[in-house]
Amino acid sequence: MKPNDRFSFLKNNRVSQDTSSLVQCYLPIIGQEALSLYLYAITFWDGGQKEHLFSHILNHLNFGMPTLLQSFKVLSALDLLTLYQKGETYELQLHPPISSQEFLSHSVYSRLLERKIGDTAVSAMKQAPSEGEALSVALSQVFPTLTEEVTPIKSKSKLKMILTWNIFSG
C-alpha cells in the first residue's frame, strides 16, 4: 500500500457513530491514531460513490504511512473495519463498534482493556444485573401470524485470532 493508491468505501455500509463505546472501551486499546482513522472513515464515508487516495487520509490526519498501516491493522484486529485489495485499488468496509456491555462481556476484549486501565476501572464500567424478574414475551405472542422461522442474530463480538498482513506490507 502506497500513499497514491486508491480506495473506495463499500456501498451500503453506513455505520452509526456510537462514540461512547468507542471512547470508553476501544480508545484505551486502539489508541488515538486508530480512533482518528476510524472516525475519519465514518465521517467521510460516501457510499462507494468515488475513489479516494490514501494520501488524503495521511494529509487530513497528519499521519505518516507507518502510522496509517498500523492503525488499519489495529482496527482490523478489533473488527472495526475490513480492508480488501482489488487489484491496484482497495475497498474499505466499516463495522460498528459493539456496545460497552458486549465489549466488557467479551473475555479477550475485557482483558485487553483491564491491562490498559486496570481491573477496578473495568469493574466500575460493568452493568449490574437487575434483581427483578424479566417480563419478556415471545415474538410469536405479539405477532401470532408470523410464519417464518426467526433466527437470533449473533453478536459480532468475536476476536479474529489469525490475521495475515500481506496487504499491509510493501
C-alpha atoms as a PDB file:
ATOM      1  CA  MET A   1       0.000   0.000   0.000  1.00  0.00           C
ATOM      2  CA  LYS A   2       1.323   3.424  -1.011  1.00  0.00           C
ATOM      3  CA  PRO A   3       0.051   6.991  -0.475  1.00  0.00           C
ATOM      4  CA  ASN A   4      -1.026   7.311  -4.122  1.00  0.00           C
ATOM      5  CA  ASP A   5      -3.006   4.061  -4.069  1.00  0.00           C
ATOM      6  CA  ARG A   6      -6.753   4.448  -4.382  1.00  0.00           C
ATOM      7  CA  PHE A   7      -9.525   3.177  -2.141  1.00  0.00           C
ATOM      8  CA  SER A   8     -13.281   3.378  -2.026  1.00  0.00           C
ATOM      9  CA  PHE A   9     -15.826   2.707   0.670  1.00  0.00           C
ATOM     10  CA  LEU A  10     -18.043  -0.356   0.468  1.00  0.00           C
ATOM     11  CA  LYS A  11     -21.518   0.516  -0.823  1.00  0.00           C
ATOM     12  CA  ASN A  12     -24.478   0.419   1.583  1.00  0.00           C
ATOM     13  CA  ASN A  13     -22.151   0.241   4.568  1.00  0.00           C
ATOM     14  CA  ARG A  14     -23.264   3.200   6.688  1.00  0.00           C
ATOM     15  CA  VAL A  15     -22.144   2.824  10.314  1.00  0.00           C
ATOM     16  CA  SER A  16     -23.625   4.782  13.207  1.00  0.00           C
ATOM     17  CA  GLN A  17     -21.353   6.893  15.352  1.00  0.00           C
ATOM     18  CA  ASP A  18     -21.600   5.343  18.837  1.00  0.00           C
ATOM     19  CA  THR A  19     -18.813   7.368  20.364  1.00  0.00           C
ATOM     20  CA  SER A  20     -19.470   6.306  23.971  1.00  0.00           C
ATOM     21  CA  SER A  21     -18.400   2.696  23.345  1.00  0.00           C
ATOM     22  CA  LEU A  22     -15.530   3.857  21.140  1.00  0.00           C
ATOM     23  CA  VAL A  23     -14.136   6.200  23.786  1.00  0.00           C
ATOM     24  CA  GLN A  24     -14.863   4.106  26.892  1.00  0.00           C
ATOM     25  CA  CYS A  25     -13.790   0.705  25.626  1.00  0.00           C
ATOM     26  CA  TYR A  26     -11.910   0.865  22.348  1.00  0.00           C
ATOM     27  CA  LEU A  27      -9.777   4.027  22.761  1.00  0.00           C
ATOM     28  CA  PRO A  28      -7.541   2.759  25.588  1.00  0.00           C
ATOM     29  CA  ILE A  29      -6.704  -0.302  23.468  1.00  0.00           C
ATOM     30  CA  ILE A  30      -6.506   1.059  19.922  1.00  0.00           C
ATOM     31  CA  GLY A  31      -5.006   4.465  20.709  1.00  0.00           C
ATOM     32  CA  GLN A  32      -5.691   7.931  19.342  1.00  0.00           C
ATOM     33  CA  GLU A  33      -4.322   7.337  15.842  1.00  0.00           C
ATOM     34  CA  ALA A  34      -6.528   4.314  15.126  1.00  0.00           C
ATOM     35  CA  LEU A  35      -9.542   6.076  16.636  1.00  0.00           C
ATOM     36  CA  SER A  36      -8.850   9.111  14.431  1.00  0.00           C
ATOM     37  CA  LEU A  37      -8.681   6.890  11.351  1.00  0.00           C
ATOM     38  CA  TYR A  38     -11.969   5.172  12.255  1.00  0.00           C
ATOM     39  CA  LEU A  39     -13.733   8.492  12.873  1.00  0.00           C
ATOM     40  CA  TYR A  40     -12.321   9.828   9.596  1.00  0.00           C
ATOM     41  CA  ALA A  41     -13.695   6.800   7.741  1.00  0.00           C
ATOM     42  CA  ILE A  42     -17.204   7.004   9.188  1.00  0.00           C
ATOM     43  CA  THR A  43     -17.298  10.772   8.687  1.00  0.00           C
ATOM     44  CA  PHE A  44     -16.090  10.792   5.078  1.00  0.00           C
ATOM     45  CA  TRP A  45     -17.976   7.626   4.056  1.00  0.00           C
ATOM     46  CA  ASP A  46     -19.647   8.306   0.707  1.00  0.00           C
ATOM     47  CA  GLY A  47     -21.365   5.030  -0.070  1.00  0.00           C
ATOM     48  CA  GLY A  48     -18.671   3.957  -2.510  1.00  0.00           C
ATOM     49  CA  GLN A  49     -19.503   6.726  -4.975  1.00  0.00           C
ATOM     50  CA  LYS A  50     -15.909   7.513  -5.884  1.00  0.00           C
ATOM     51  CA  GLU A  51     -12.304   6.536  -5.335  1.00  0.00           C
ATOM     52  CA  HIS A  52     -10.056   8.386  -2.905  1.00  0.00           C
ATOM     53  CA  LEU A  53      -6.296   8.469  -2.365  1.00  0.00           C
ATOM     54  CA  PHE A  54      -4.713   7.237   0.853  1.00  0.00           C
ATOM     55  CA  SER A  55      -2.673  10.450   0.718  1.00  0.00           C
ATOM     56  CA  HIS A  56      -5.886  12.357   1.542  1.00  0.00           C
ATOM     57  CA  ILE A  57      -6.145  10.443   4.816  1.00  0.00           C
ATOM     58  CA  LEU A  58      -2.445  10.989   5.510  1.00  0.00           C
ATOM     59  CA  ASN A  59      -2.759  14.735   4.935  1.00  0.00           C
ATOM     60  CA  HIS A  60      -6.023  15.154   6.811  1.00  0.00           C
ATOM     61  CA  LEU A  61      -4.884  13.220   9.891  1.00  0.00           C
ATOM     62  CA  ASN A  62      -1.247  14.334   9.675  1.00  0.00           C
ATOM     63  CA  PHE A  63      -0.121  10.693   9.638  1.00  0.00           C
ATOM     64  CA  GLY A  64       2.880   9.042   8.104  1.00  0.00           C
ATOM     65  CA  MET A  65       2.430   5.821   6.163  1.00  0.00           C
ATOM     66  CA  PRO A  66       3.646   3.569   9.036  1.00  0.00           C
ATOM     67  CA  THR A  67       1.027   5.099  11.371  1.00  0.00           C
ATOM     68  CA  LEU A  68      -1.713   4.579   8.787  1.00  0.00           C
ATOM     69  CA  LEU A  69      -0.724   0.940   8.247  1.00  0.00           C
ATOM     70  CA  GLN A  70      -0.548   0.242  11.980  1.00  0.00           C
ATOM     71  CA  SER A  71      -3.933   1.911  12.512  1.00  0.00           C
ATOM     72  CA  PHE A  72      -5.503  -0.253   9.803  1.00  0.00           C
ATOM     73  CA  LYS A  73      -4.044  -3.349  11.487  1.00  0.00           C
ATOM     74  CA  VAL A  74      -5.389  -2.395  14.904  1.00  0.00           C
ATOM     75  CA  LEU A  75      -8.867  -1.522  13.593  1.00  0.00           C
ATOM     76  CA  SER A  76      -8.989  -4.758  11.632  1.00  0.00           C
ATOM     77  CA  ALA A  77      -7.897  -6.839  14.626  1.00  0.00           C
ATOM     78  CA  LEU A  78     -10.705  -5.370  16.748  1.00  0.00           C
ATOM     79  CA  ASP A  79     -13.220  -5.897  13.925  1.00  0.00           C
ATOM     80  CA  LEU A  80     -13.930  -2.212  13.311  1.00  0.00           C
ATOM     81  CA  LEU A  81     -13.035  -2.388   9.628  1.00  0.00           C
ATOM     82  CA  THR A  82     -12.007  -4.734   6.867  1.00  0.00           C
ATOM     83  CA  LEU A  83      -9.684  -3.655   4.075  1.00  0.00           C
ATOM     84  CA  TYR A  84      -9.969  -5.534   0.785  1.00  0.00           C
ATOM     85  CA  GLN A  85      -7.499  -5.387  -2.078  1.00  0.00           C
ATOM     86  CA  LYS A  86      -8.974  -5.403  -5.581  1.00  0.00           C
ATOM     87  CA  GLY A  87      -6.062  -5.361  -7.997  1.00  0.00           C
ATOM     88  CA  GLU A  88      -4.427  -1.948  -7.673  1.00  0.00           C
ATOM     89  CA  THR A  89      -7.223  -0.470  -5.539  1.00  0.00           C
ATOM     90  CA  TYR A  90      -8.604  -1.119  -2.076  1.00  0.00           C
ATOM     91  CA  GLU A  91     -12.086  -1.235  -0.619  1.00  0.00           C
ATOM     92  CA  LEU A  92     -12.876  -0.261   2.952  1.00  0.00           C
ATOM     93  CA  GLN A  93     -15.707  -1.941   4.850  1.00  0.00           C
ATOM     94  CA  LEU A  94     -16.661  -0.367   8.162  1.00  0.00           C
ATOM     95  CA  HIS A  95     -18.062  -2.319  11.104  1.00  0.00           C
ATOM     96  CA  PRO A  96     -19.960  -0.741  14.005  1.00  0.00           C
ATOM     97  CA  PRO A  97     -18.405  -0.939  17.450  1.00  0.00           C
ATOM     98  CA  ILE A  98     -20.078  -3.365  19.825  1.00  0.00           C
ATOM     99  CA  SER A  99     -21.867  -1.895  22.843  1.00  0.00           C
ATOM    100  CA  SER A 100     -19.906  -1.222  26.016  1.00  0.00           C
ATOM    101  CA  GLN A 101     -21.623  -4.105  27.811  1.00  0.00           C
ATOM    102  CA  GLU A 102     -20.918  -6.544  24.957  1.00  0.00           C
ATOM    103  CA  PHE A 103     -17.311  -5.361  24.959  1.00  0.00           C
ATOM    104  CA  LEU A 104     -16.977  -5.888  28.713  1.00  0.00           C
ATOM    105  CA  SER A 105     -18.584  -9.337  28.418  1.00  0.00           C
ATOM    106  CA  HIS A 106     -16.106 -10.394  25.736  1.00  0.00           C
ATOM    107  CA  SER A 107     -13.363 -12.343  27.516  1.00  0.00           C
ATOM    108  CA  VAL A 108     -10.450 -11.196  25.339  1.00  0.00           C
ATOM    109  CA  TYR A 109     -11.554  -7.587  24.813  1.00  0.00           C
ATOM    110  CA  SER A 110     -12.208  -7.048  28.526  1.00  0.00           C
ATOM    111  CA  ARG A 111      -8.772  -8.485  29.410  1.00  0.00           C
ATOM    112  CA  LEU A 112      -7.117  -6.124  26.927  1.00  0.00           C
ATOM    113  CA  LEU A 113      -8.991  -3.226  28.497  1.00  0.00           C
ATOM    114  CA  GLU A 114      -8.040  -4.347  32.018  1.00  0.00           C
ATOM    115  CA  ARG A 115      -4.378  -4.299  31.006  1.00  0.00           C
ATOM    116  CA  LYS A 116      -4.734  -0.691  29.844  1.00  0.00           C
ATOM    117  CA  ILE A 117      -6.956   0.882  32.514  1.00  0.00           C
ATOM    118  CA  GLY A 118      -6.931  -1.650  35.370  1.00  0.00           C
ATOM    119  CA  ASP A 119      -9.456  -4.173  36.626  1.00  0.00           C
ATOM    120  CA  THR A 120     -11.015  -1.743  39.115  1.00  0.00           C
ATOM    121  CA  ALA A 121     -11.890   0.705  36.330  1.00  0.00           C
ATOM    122  CA  VAL A 122     -13.287  -2.096  34.147  1.00  0.00           C
ATOM    123  CA  SER A 123     -15.387  -3.457  37.032  1.00  0.00           C
ATOM    124  CA  ALA A 124     -16.825   0.010  37.622  1.00  0.00           C
ATOM    125  CA  MET A 125     -17.952   0.145  33.973  1.00  0.00           C
ATOM    126  CA  LYS A 126     -19.869  -3.149  34.108  1.00  0.00           C
ATOM    127  CA  GLN A 127     -23.636  -3.006  34.288  1.00  0.00           C
ATOM    128  CA  ALA A 128     -25.120  -4.512  37.441  1.00  0.00           C
ATOM    129  CA  PRO A 129     -27.745  -7.171  36.718  1.00  0.00           C
ATOM    130  CA  SER A 130     -31.328  -6.452  37.730  1.00  0.00           C
ATOM    131  CA  GLU A 131     -32.642  -8.267  40.768  1.00  0.00           C
ATOM    132  CA  GLY A 132     -36.167  -8.178  39.346  1.00  0.00           C
ATOM    133  CA  GLU A 133     -37.931 -10.774  37.217  1.00  0.00           C
ATOM    134  CA  ALA A 134     -37.772 -10.236  33.447  1.00  0.00           C
ATOM    135  CA  LEU A 135     -41.177  -9.639  31.855  1.00  0.00           C
ATOM    136  CA  SER A 136     -40.272 -10.677  28.328  1.00  0.00           C
ATOM    137  CA  VAL A 137     -42.677 -12.221  25.849  1.00  0.00           C
ATOM    138  CA  ALA A 138     -42.011 -14.382  22.835  1.00  0.00           C
ATOM    139  CA  LEU A 139     -42.168 -12.745  19.418  1.00  0.00           C
ATOM    140  CA  SER A 140     -44.872 -15.221  18.370  1.00  0.00           C
ATOM    141  CA  GLN A 141     -47.112 -13.971  21.218  1.00  0.00           C
ATOM    142  CA  VAL A 142     -47.010 -10.439  19.857  1.00  0.00           C
ATOM    143  CA  PHE A 143     -47.161 -11.442  16.193  1.00  0.00           C
ATOM    144  CA  PRO A 144     -49.173 -14.688  16.060  1.00  0.00           C
ATOM    145  CA  THR A 145     -49.351 -14.636  12.250  1.00  0.00           C
ATOM    146  CA  LEU A 146     -45.606 -14.826  11.974  1.00  0.00           C
ATOM    147  CA  THR A 147     -44.928 -17.932   9.921  1.00  0.00           C
ATOM    148  CA  GLU A 148     -41.250 -17.592   9.123  1.00  0.00           C
ATOM    149  CA  GLU A 149     -38.696 -19.120  11.394  1.00  0.00           C
ATOM    150  CA  VAL A 150     -36.832 -16.422  13.298  1.00  0.00           C
ATOM    151  CA  THR A 151     -33.092 -16.885  13.720  1.00  0.00           C
ATOM    152  CA  PRO A 152     -31.420 -14.896  16.500  1.00  0.00           C
ATOM    153  CA  ILE A 153     -28.637 -12.599  15.364  1.00  0.00           C
ATOM    154  CA  LYS A 154     -25.268 -13.417  16.849  1.00  0.00           C
ATOM    155  CA  SER A 155     -23.182 -10.647  18.292  1.00  0.00           C
ATOM    156  CA  LYS A 156     -20.170  -9.654  16.254  1.00  0.00           C
ATOM    157  CA  SER A 157     -18.038  -9.719  19.402  1.00  0.00           C
ATOM    158  CA  LYS A 158     -15.635 -12.315  18.149  1.00  0.00           C
ATOM    159  CA  LEU A 159     -11.907 -11.959  18.018  1.00  0.00           C
ATOM    160  CA  LYS A 160     -10.017 -12.699  14.858  1.00  0.00           C
ATOM    161  CA  MET A 161      -7.310 -14.993  16.108  1.00  0.00           C
ATOM    162  CA  ILE A 162      -5.391 -15.473  12.869  1.00  0.00           C
ATOM    163  CA  LEU A 163      -4.640 -12.444  10.771  1.00  0.00           C
ATOM    164  CA  THR A 164      -2.452 -12.120   7.762  1.00  0.00           C
ATOM    165  CA  TRP A 165      -0.974  -8.774   6.988  1.00  0.00           C
ATOM    166  CA  ASN A 166       0.264  -9.297   3.441  1.00  0.00           C
ATOM    167  CA  ILE A 167      -1.978  -6.444   2.340  1.00  0.00           C
ATOM    168  CA  PHE A 168      -0.179  -4.038   4.659  1.00  0.00           C
ATOM    169  CA  SER A 169       3.371  -4.767   3.604  1.00  0.00           C
ATOM    170  CA  GLY A 170       5.432  -3.272   0.842  1.00  0.00           C
END
